[in-house]
PDB file of all heavy atoms in Angstrom:
ATOM      1  N   ILE A   1     -18.568  -5.592 -11.696  1.00  0.00           N
ATOM      2  CA  ILE A   1     -18.323  -4.508 -10.735  1.00  0.00           C
ATOM      3  C   ILE A   1     -16.825  -4.301 -10.548  1.00  0.00           C
ATOM      4  O   ILE A   1     -16.332  -3.161 -10.555  1.00  0.00           O
ATOM      5  CB  ILE A   1     -19.006  -4.831  -9.386  1.00  0.00           C
ATOM      6  CG1 ILE A   1     -20.530  -4.824  -9.548  1.00  0.00           C
ATOM      7  CG2 ILE A   1     -18.581  -3.829  -8.313  1.00  0.00           C
ATOM      8  CD1 ILE A   1     -21.276  -5.363  -8.347  1.00  0.00           C
ATOM      9  N   ALA A   2     -16.083  -5.394 -10.396  1.00  0.00           N
ATOM     10  CA  ALA A   2     -14.635  -5.300 -10.181  1.00  0.00           C
ATOM     11  C   ALA A   2     -13.951  -4.652 -11.384  1.00  0.00           C
ATOM     12  O   ALA A   2     -12.995  -3.873 -11.232  1.00  0.00           O
ATOM     13  CB  ALA A   2     -14.056  -6.687  -9.927  1.00  0.00           C
ATOM     14  N   ARG A   3     -14.457  -4.953 -12.587  1.00  0.00           N
ATOM     15  CA  ARG A   3     -13.850  -4.414 -13.799  1.00  0.00           C
ATOM     16  C   ARG A   3     -14.039  -2.902 -13.908  1.00  0.00           C
ATOM     17  O   ARG A   3     -13.257  -2.210 -14.555  1.00  0.00           O
ATOM     18  CB  ARG A   3     -14.453  -5.124 -15.006  1.00  0.00           C
ATOM     19  CG  ARG A   3     -13.622  -5.049 -16.267  1.00  0.00           C
ATOM     20  CD  ARG A   3     -14.208  -5.957 -17.324  1.00  0.00           C
ATOM     21  NE  ARG A   3     -13.922  -7.357 -17.040  1.00  0.00           N
ATOM     22  CZ  ARG A   3     -14.720  -8.371 -17.366  1.00  0.00           C
ATOM     23  NH1 ARG A   3     -15.860  -8.143 -17.966  1.00  0.00           N
ATOM     24  NH2 ARG A   3     -14.367  -9.609 -17.091  1.00  0.00           N
ATOM     25  N   GLU A   4     -15.081  -2.376 -13.263  1.00  0.00           N
ATOM     26  CA  GLU A   4     -15.367  -0.940 -13.303  1.00  0.00           C
ATOM     27  C   GLU A   4     -14.689  -0.170 -12.163  1.00  0.00           C
ATOM     28  O   GLU A   4     -14.854   1.042 -12.045  1.00  0.00           O
ATOM     29  CB  GLU A   4     -16.875  -0.713 -13.229  1.00  0.00           C
ATOM     30  CG  GLU A   4     -17.634  -1.262 -14.436  1.00  0.00           C
ATOM     31  CD  GLU A   4     -19.146  -1.200 -14.247  1.00  0.00           C
ATOM     32  OE1 GLU A   4     -19.585  -0.799 -13.140  1.00  0.00           O
ATOM     33  OE2 GLU A   4     -19.886  -1.544 -15.191  1.00  0.00           O
ATOM     34  N   ALA A   5     -13.923  -0.875 -11.333  1.00  0.00           N
ATOM     35  CA  ALA A   5     -13.311  -0.244 -10.162  1.00  0.00           C
ATOM     36  C   ALA A   5     -12.394   0.911 -10.559  1.00  0.00           C
ATOM     37  O   ALA A   5     -11.638   0.820 -11.530  1.00  0.00           O
ATOM     38  CB  ALA A   5     -12.517  -1.281  -9.374  1.00  0.00           C
ATOM     39  N   GLN A   6     -12.464   1.979  -9.786  1.00  0.00           N
ATOM     40  CA  GLN A   6     -11.573   3.130  -9.981  1.00  0.00           C
ATOM     41  C   GLN A   6     -10.370   2.940  -9.061  1.00  0.00           C
ATOM     42  O   GLN A   6     -10.279   3.527  -7.980  1.00  0.00           O
ATOM     43  CB  GLN A   6     -12.316   4.431  -9.660  1.00  0.00           C
ATOM     44  CG  GLN A   6     -13.534   4.677 -10.531  1.00  0.00           C
ATOM     45  CD  GLN A   6     -13.176   4.839 -11.997  1.00  0.00           C
ATOM     46  OE1 GLN A   6     -12.297   5.627 -12.348  1.00  0.00           O
ATOM     47  NE2 GLN A   6     -13.850   4.088 -12.870  1.00  0.00           N
ATOM     48  N   LYS A   7      -9.462   2.076  -9.498  1.00  0.00           N
ATOM     49  CA  LYS A   7      -8.316   1.744  -8.651  1.00  0.00           C
ATOM     50  C   LYS A   7      -7.295   2.879  -8.631  1.00  0.00           C
ATOM     51  O   LYS A   7      -7.118   3.591  -9.615  1.00  0.00           O
ATOM     52  CB  LYS A   7      -7.653   0.460  -9.155  1.00  0.00           C
ATOM     53  CG  LYS A   7      -8.493  -0.786  -8.982  1.00  0.00           C
ATOM     54  CD  LYS A   7      -7.808  -2.009  -9.532  1.00  0.00           C
ATOM     55  CE  LYS A   7      -7.777  -1.997 -11.053  1.00  0.00           C
ATOM     56  NZ  LYS A   7      -7.249  -3.270 -11.604  1.00  0.00           N
ATOM     57  N   LYS A   8      -6.635   3.002  -7.483  1.00  0.00           N
ATOM     58  CA  LYS A   8      -5.543   3.963  -7.353  1.00  0.00           C
ATOM     59  C   LYS A   8      -4.209   3.219  -7.473  1.00  0.00           C
ATOM     60  O   LYS A   8      -4.143   2.011  -7.185  1.00  0.00           O
ATOM     61  CB  LYS A   8      -5.621   4.681  -6.006  1.00  0.00           C
ATOM     62  CG  LYS A   8      -6.819   5.613  -5.879  1.00  0.00           C
ATOM     63  CD  LYS A   8      -6.788   6.381  -4.568  1.00  0.00           C
ATOM     64  CE  LYS A   8      -7.957   7.364  -4.483  1.00  0.00           C
ATOM     65  NZ  LYS A   8      -7.956   8.123  -3.213  1.00  0.00           N
ATOM     66  N   PRO A   9      -3.150   3.899  -7.875  1.00  0.00           N
ATOM     67  CA  PRO A   9      -1.829   3.247  -7.902  1.00  0.00           C
ATOM     68  C   PRO A   9      -1.501   2.670  -6.533  1.00  0.00           C
ATOM     69  O   PRO A   9      -1.819   3.285  -5.502  1.00  0.00           O
ATOM     70  CB  PRO A   9      -0.881   4.384  -8.282  1.00  0.00           C
ATOM     71  CG  PRO A   9      -1.740   5.375  -8.999  1.00  0.00           C
ATOM     72  CD  PRO A   9      -3.086   5.299  -8.346  1.00  0.00           C
ATOM     73  N   ILE A  10      -0.876   1.515  -6.532  1.00  0.00           N
ATOM     74  CA  ILE A  10      -0.632   0.827  -5.260  1.00  0.00           C
ATOM     75  C   ILE A  10       0.261   1.656  -4.337  1.00  0.00           C
ATOM     76  O   ILE A  10       0.188   1.519  -3.104  1.00  0.00           O
ATOM     77  CB  ILE A  10      -0.040  -0.581  -5.511  1.00  0.00           C
ATOM     78  CG1 ILE A  10      -0.197  -1.451  -4.263  1.00  0.00           C
ATOM     79  CG2 ILE A  10       1.399  -0.488  -5.977  1.00  0.00           C
ATOM     80  CD1 ILE A  10      -1.630  -1.691  -3.850  1.00  0.00           C
ATOM     81  N   GLN A  11       1.081   2.545  -4.888  1.00  0.00           N
ATOM     82  CA  GLN A  11       1.914   3.410  -4.046  1.00  0.00           C
ATOM     83  C   GLN A  11       1.047   4.335  -3.185  1.00  0.00           C
ATOM     84  O   GLN A  11       1.395   4.627  -2.039  1.00  0.00           O
ATOM     85  CB  GLN A  11       2.875   4.232  -4.916  1.00  0.00           C
ATOM     86  CG  GLN A  11       3.976   3.417  -5.576  1.00  0.00           C
ATOM     87  CD  GLN A  11       3.520   2.720  -6.848  1.00  0.00           C
ATOM     88  OE1 GLN A  11       2.357   2.850  -7.249  1.00  0.00           O
ATOM     89  NE2 GLN A  11       4.429   1.993  -7.495  1.00  0.00           N
ATOM     90  N   GLU A  12      -0.090   4.798  -3.722  1.00  0.00           N
ATOM     91  CA  GLU A  12      -0.998   5.641  -2.942  1.00  0.00           C
ATOM     92  C   GLU A  12      -1.649   4.858  -1.811  1.00  0.00           C
ATOM     93  O   GLU A  12      -1.867   5.382  -0.719  1.00  0.00           O
ATOM     94  CB  GLU A  12      -2.083   6.240  -3.848  1.00  0.00           C
ATOM     95  CG  GLU A  12      -1.588   7.295  -4.821  1.00  0.00           C
ATOM     96  CD  GLU A  12      -2.734   7.974  -5.548  1.00  0.00           C
ATOM     97  OE1 GLU A  12      -3.834   8.086  -4.951  1.00  0.00           O
ATOM     98  OE2 GLU A  12      -2.539   8.381  -6.715  1.00  0.00           O
ATOM     99  N   ILE A  13      -1.967   3.613  -2.082  1.00  0.00           N
ATOM    100  CA  ILE A  13      -2.567   2.765  -1.048  1.00  0.00           C
ATOM    101  C   ILE A  13      -1.546   2.511   0.065  1.00  0.00           C
ATOM    102  O   ILE A  13      -1.864   2.561   1.254  1.00  0.00           O
ATOM    103  CB  ILE A  13      -3.056   1.439  -1.652  1.00  0.00           C
ATOM    104  CG1 ILE A  13      -4.031   1.694  -2.808  1.00  0.00           C
ATOM    105  CG2 ILE A  13      -3.705   0.573  -0.580  1.00  0.00           C
ATOM    106  CD1 ILE A  13      -5.260   2.498  -2.430  1.00  0.00           C
ATOM    107  N   GLY A  14      -0.298   2.248  -0.335  1.00  0.00           N
ATOM    108  CA  GLY A  14       0.743   2.038   0.667  1.00  0.00           C
ATOM    109  C   GLY A  14       0.969   3.268   1.526  1.00  0.00           C
ATOM    110  O   GLY A  14       1.179   3.162   2.743  1.00  0.00           O
ATOM    111  N   ALA A  15       0.908   4.452   0.907  1.00  0.00           N
ATOM    112  CA  ALA A  15       1.122   5.694   1.651  1.00  0.00           C
ATOM    113  C   ALA A  15       0.085   5.886   2.750  1.00  0.00           C
ATOM    114  O   ALA A  15       0.369   6.498   3.785  1.00  0.00           O
ATOM    115  CB  ALA A  15       1.094   6.886   0.684  1.00  0.00           C
ATOM    116  N   LYS A  16      -1.127   5.351   2.543  1.00  0.00           N
ATOM    117  CA  LYS A  16      -2.179   5.480   3.558  1.00  0.00           C
ATOM    118  C   LYS A  16      -1.792   4.826   4.886  1.00  0.00           C
ATOM    119  O   LYS A  16      -2.251   5.250   5.952  1.00  0.00           O
ATOM    120  CB  LYS A  16      -3.475   4.833   3.060  1.00  0.00           C
ATOM    121  CG  LYS A  16      -4.255   5.641   2.047  1.00  0.00           C
ATOM    122  CD  LYS A  16      -5.614   4.980   1.795  1.00  0.00           C
ATOM    123  CE  LYS A  16      -6.506   5.863   0.936  1.00  0.00           C
ATOM    124  NZ  LYS A  16      -7.868   5.292   0.792  1.00  0.00           N
ATOM    125  N   ILE A  17      -0.967   3.784   4.821  1.00  0.00           N
ATOM    126  CA  ILE A  17      -0.563   3.087   6.046  1.00  0.00           C
ATOM    127  C   ILE A  17       0.934   3.237   6.292  1.00  0.00           C
ATOM    128  O   ILE A  17       1.544   2.435   7.004  1.00  0.00           O
ATOM    129  CB  ILE A  17      -0.970   1.602   6.004  1.00  0.00           C
ATOM    130  CG1 ILE A  17      -0.555   0.938   4.689  1.00  0.00           C
ATOM    131  CG2 ILE A  17      -2.475   1.451   6.226  1.00  0.00           C
ATOM    132  CD1 ILE A  17      -0.845  -0.553   4.622  1.00  0.00           C
ATOM    133  N   GLY A  18       1.519   4.264   5.685  1.00  0.00           N
ATOM    134  CA  GLY A  18       2.895   4.615   5.996  1.00  0.00           C
ATOM    135  C   GLY A  18       3.964   3.812   5.295  1.00  0.00           C
ATOM    136  O   GLY A  18       5.123   3.814   5.732  1.00  0.00           O
ATOM    137  N   ILE A  19       3.628   3.130   4.210  1.00  0.00           N
ATOM    138  CA  ILE A  19       4.623   2.351   3.477  1.00  0.00           C
ATOM    139  C   ILE A  19       5.146   3.204   2.317  1.00  0.00           C
ATOM    140  O   ILE A  19       4.374   3.611   1.439  1.00  0.00           O
ATOM    141  CB  ILE A  19       4.032   1.044   2.932  1.00  0.00           C
ATOM    142  CG1 ILE A  19       3.363   0.237   4.047  1.00  0.00           C
ATOM    143  CG2 ILE A  19       5.126   0.200   2.262  1.00  0.00           C
ATOM    144  CD1 ILE A  19       2.683  -1.038   3.563  1.00  0.00           C
ATOM    145  N   SER A  20       6.425   3.469   2.312  1.00  0.00           N
ATOM    146  CA  SER A  20       7.012   4.286   1.252  1.00  0.00           C
ATOM    147  C   SER A  20       7.189   3.469  -0.022  1.00  0.00           C
ATOM    148  O   SER A  20       7.157   2.235   0.003  1.00  0.00           O
ATOM    149  CB  SER A  20       8.367   4.830   1.696  1.00  0.00           C
ATOM    150  OG  SER A  20       9.317   3.771   1.770  1.00  0.00           O
ATOM    151  N   ASN A  21       7.407   4.159  -1.122  1.00  0.00           N
ATOM    152  CA  ASN A  21       7.618   3.480  -2.400  1.00  0.00           C
ATOM    153  C   ASN A  21       8.811   2.536  -2.354  1.00  0.00           C
ATOM    154  O   ASN A  21       8.823   1.487  -3.004  1.00  0.00           O
ATOM    155  CB  ASN A  21       7.815   4.505  -3.520  1.00  0.00           C
ATOM    156  CG  ASN A  21       6.556   5.302  -3.809  1.00  0.00           C
ATOM    157  OD1 ASN A  21       5.504   5.048  -3.223  1.00  0.00           O
ATOM    158  ND2 ASN A  21       6.665   6.271  -4.698  1.00  0.00           N
ATOM    159  N   ASP A  22       9.828   2.904  -1.583  1.00  0.00           N
ATOM    160  CA  ASP A  22      11.033   2.079  -1.495  1.00  0.00           C
ATOM    161  C   ASP A  22      10.765   0.735  -0.832  1.00  0.00           C
ATOM    162  O   ASP A  22      11.559  -0.205  -0.986  1.00  0.00           O
ATOM    163  CB  ASP A  22      12.125   2.818  -0.723  1.00  0.00           C
ATOM    164  CG  ASP A  22      12.665   4.018  -1.495  1.00  0.00           C
ATOM    165  OD1 ASP A  22      12.471   4.061  -2.723  1.00  0.00           O
ATOM    166  OD2 ASP A  22      13.262   4.907  -0.851  1.00  0.00           O
ATOM    167  N   ASP A  23       9.680   0.651  -0.065  1.00  0.00           N
ATOM    168  CA  ASP A  23       9.364  -0.584   0.659  1.00  0.00           C
ATOM    169  C   ASP A  23       8.269  -1.396  -0.015  1.00  0.00           C
ATOM    170  O   ASP A  23       7.721  -2.325   0.576  1.00  0.00           O
ATOM    171  CB  ASP A  23       8.972  -0.268   2.104  1.00  0.00           C
ATOM    172  CG  ASP A  23      10.168   0.105   2.948  1.00  0.00           C
ATOM    173  OD1 ASP A  23      11.187  -0.599   2.856  1.00  0.00           O
ATOM    174  OD2 ASP A  23      10.102   1.112   3.684  1.00  0.00           O
ATOM    175  N   LEU A  24       7.951  -1.023  -1.251  1.00  0.00           N
ATOM    176  CA  LEU A  24       6.975  -1.783  -2.034  1.00  0.00           C
ATOM    177  C   LEU A  24       7.655  -2.391  -3.249  1.00  0.00           C
ATOM    178  O   LEU A  24       8.446  -1.740  -3.928  1.00  0.00           O
ATOM    179  CB  LEU A  24       5.828  -0.886  -2.503  1.00  0.00           C
ATOM    180  CG  LEU A  24       4.855  -0.366  -1.438  1.00  0.00           C
ATOM    181  CD1 LEU A  24       3.847   0.585  -2.072  1.00  0.00           C
ATOM    182  CD2 LEU A  24       4.136  -1.515  -0.747  1.00  0.00           C
ATOM    183  N   LEU A  25       7.347  -3.649  -3.511  1.00  0.00           N
ATOM    184  CA  LEU A  25       7.806  -4.314  -4.725  1.00  0.00           C
ATOM    185  C   LEU A  25       6.583  -4.494  -5.612  1.00  0.00           C
ATOM    186  O   LEU A  25       5.810  -5.441  -5.438  1.00  0.00           O
ATOM    187  CB  LEU A  25       8.434  -5.674  -4.408  1.00  0.00           C
ATOM    188  CG  LEU A  25       8.874  -6.522  -5.602  1.00  0.00           C
ATOM    189  CD1 LEU A  25       9.961  -5.820  -6.410  1.00  0.00           C
ATOM    190  CD2 LEU A  25       9.354  -7.897  -5.149  1.00  0.00           C
ATOM    191  N   PRO A  26       6.354  -3.575  -6.567  1.00  0.00           N
ATOM    192  CA  PRO A  26       5.115  -3.608  -7.353  1.00  0.00           C
ATOM    193  C   PRO A  26       5.044  -4.809  -8.291  1.00  0.00           C
ATOM    194  O   PRO A  26       6.038  -5.213  -8.888  1.00  0.00           O
ATOM    195  CB  PRO A  26       5.159  -2.299  -8.154  1.00  0.00           C
ATOM    196  CG  PRO A  26       6.184  -1.445  -7.470  1.00  0.00           C
ATOM    197  CD  PRO A  26       7.176  -2.409  -6.895  1.00  0.00           C
ATOM    198  N   TYR A  27       3.838  -5.364  -8.398  1.00  0.00           N
ATOM    199  CA  TYR A  27       3.505  -6.357  -9.413  1.00  0.00           C
ATOM    200  C   TYR A  27       2.453  -5.699 -10.292  1.00  0.00           C
ATOM    201  O   TYR A  27       1.259  -5.810 -10.054  1.00  0.00           O
ATOM    202  CB  TYR A  27       2.951  -7.630  -8.774  1.00  0.00           C
ATOM    203  CG  TYR A  27       4.009  -8.546  -8.194  1.00  0.00           C
ATOM    204  CD1 TYR A  27       4.768  -8.154  -7.087  1.00  0.00           C
ATOM    205  CD2 TYR A  27       4.252  -9.803  -8.738  1.00  0.00           C
ATOM    206  CE1 TYR A  27       5.742  -9.001  -6.557  1.00  0.00           C
ATOM    207  CE2 TYR A  27       5.219 -10.639  -8.212  1.00  0.00           C
ATOM    208  CZ  TYR A  27       5.956 -10.229  -7.121  1.00  0.00           C
ATOM    209  OH  TYR A  27       6.912 -11.062  -6.597  1.00  0.00           O
ATOM    210  N   GLY A  28       2.907  -4.946 -11.285  1.00  0.00           N
ATOM    211  CA  GLY A  28       1.992  -4.135 -12.064  1.00  0.00           C
ATOM    212  C   GLY A  28       1.687  -2.838 -11.326  1.00  0.00           C
ATOM    213  O   GLY A  28       2.489  -2.349 -10.530  1.00  0.00           O
ATOM    214  N   HIS A  29       0.500  -2.276 -11.558  1.00  0.00           N
ATOM    215  CA  HIS A  29       0.140  -0.983 -10.991  1.00  0.00           C
ATOM    216  C   HIS A  29      -0.743  -1.089  -9.748  1.00  0.00           C
ATOM    217  O   HIS A  29      -0.882  -0.111  -9.006  1.00  0.00           O
ATOM    218  CB  HIS A  29      -0.599  -0.140 -12.032  1.00  0.00           C
ATOM    219  CG  HIS A  29       0.199   0.121 -13.268  1.00  0.00           C
ATOM    220  ND1 HIS A  29       1.302   0.938 -13.280  1.00  0.00           N
ATOM    221  CD2 HIS A  29       0.061  -0.345 -14.541  1.00  0.00           C
ATOM    222  CE1 HIS A  29       1.813   0.984 -14.497  1.00  0.00           C
ATOM    223  NE2 HIS A  29       1.078   0.202 -15.284  1.00  0.00           N
ATOM    224  N   ASP A  30      -1.337  -2.278  -9.504  1.00  0.00           N
ATOM    225  CA  ASP A  30      -2.367  -2.347  -8.470  1.00  0.00           C
ATOM    226  C   ASP A  30      -2.134  -3.415  -7.406  1.00  0.00           C
ATOM    227  O   ASP A  30      -3.024  -3.751  -6.641  1.00  0.00           O
ATOM    228  CB  ASP A  30      -3.744  -2.560  -9.109  1.00  0.00           C
ATOM    229  CG  ASP A  30      -3.745  -3.728 -10.101  1.00  0.00           C
ATOM    230  OD1 ASP A  30      -2.782  -4.522 -10.093  1.00  0.00           O
ATOM    231  OD2 ASP A  30      -4.727  -3.836 -10.866  1.00  0.00           O
TER     232      ASP A  30
END
């Protein structure tokens, strides 16, 4: 099930709670 997940870029997830791209240190895309 996890392998079939339709994940969104982590920047979109951060935007949902008000975290800008500048305040995220990505480890890959998710």
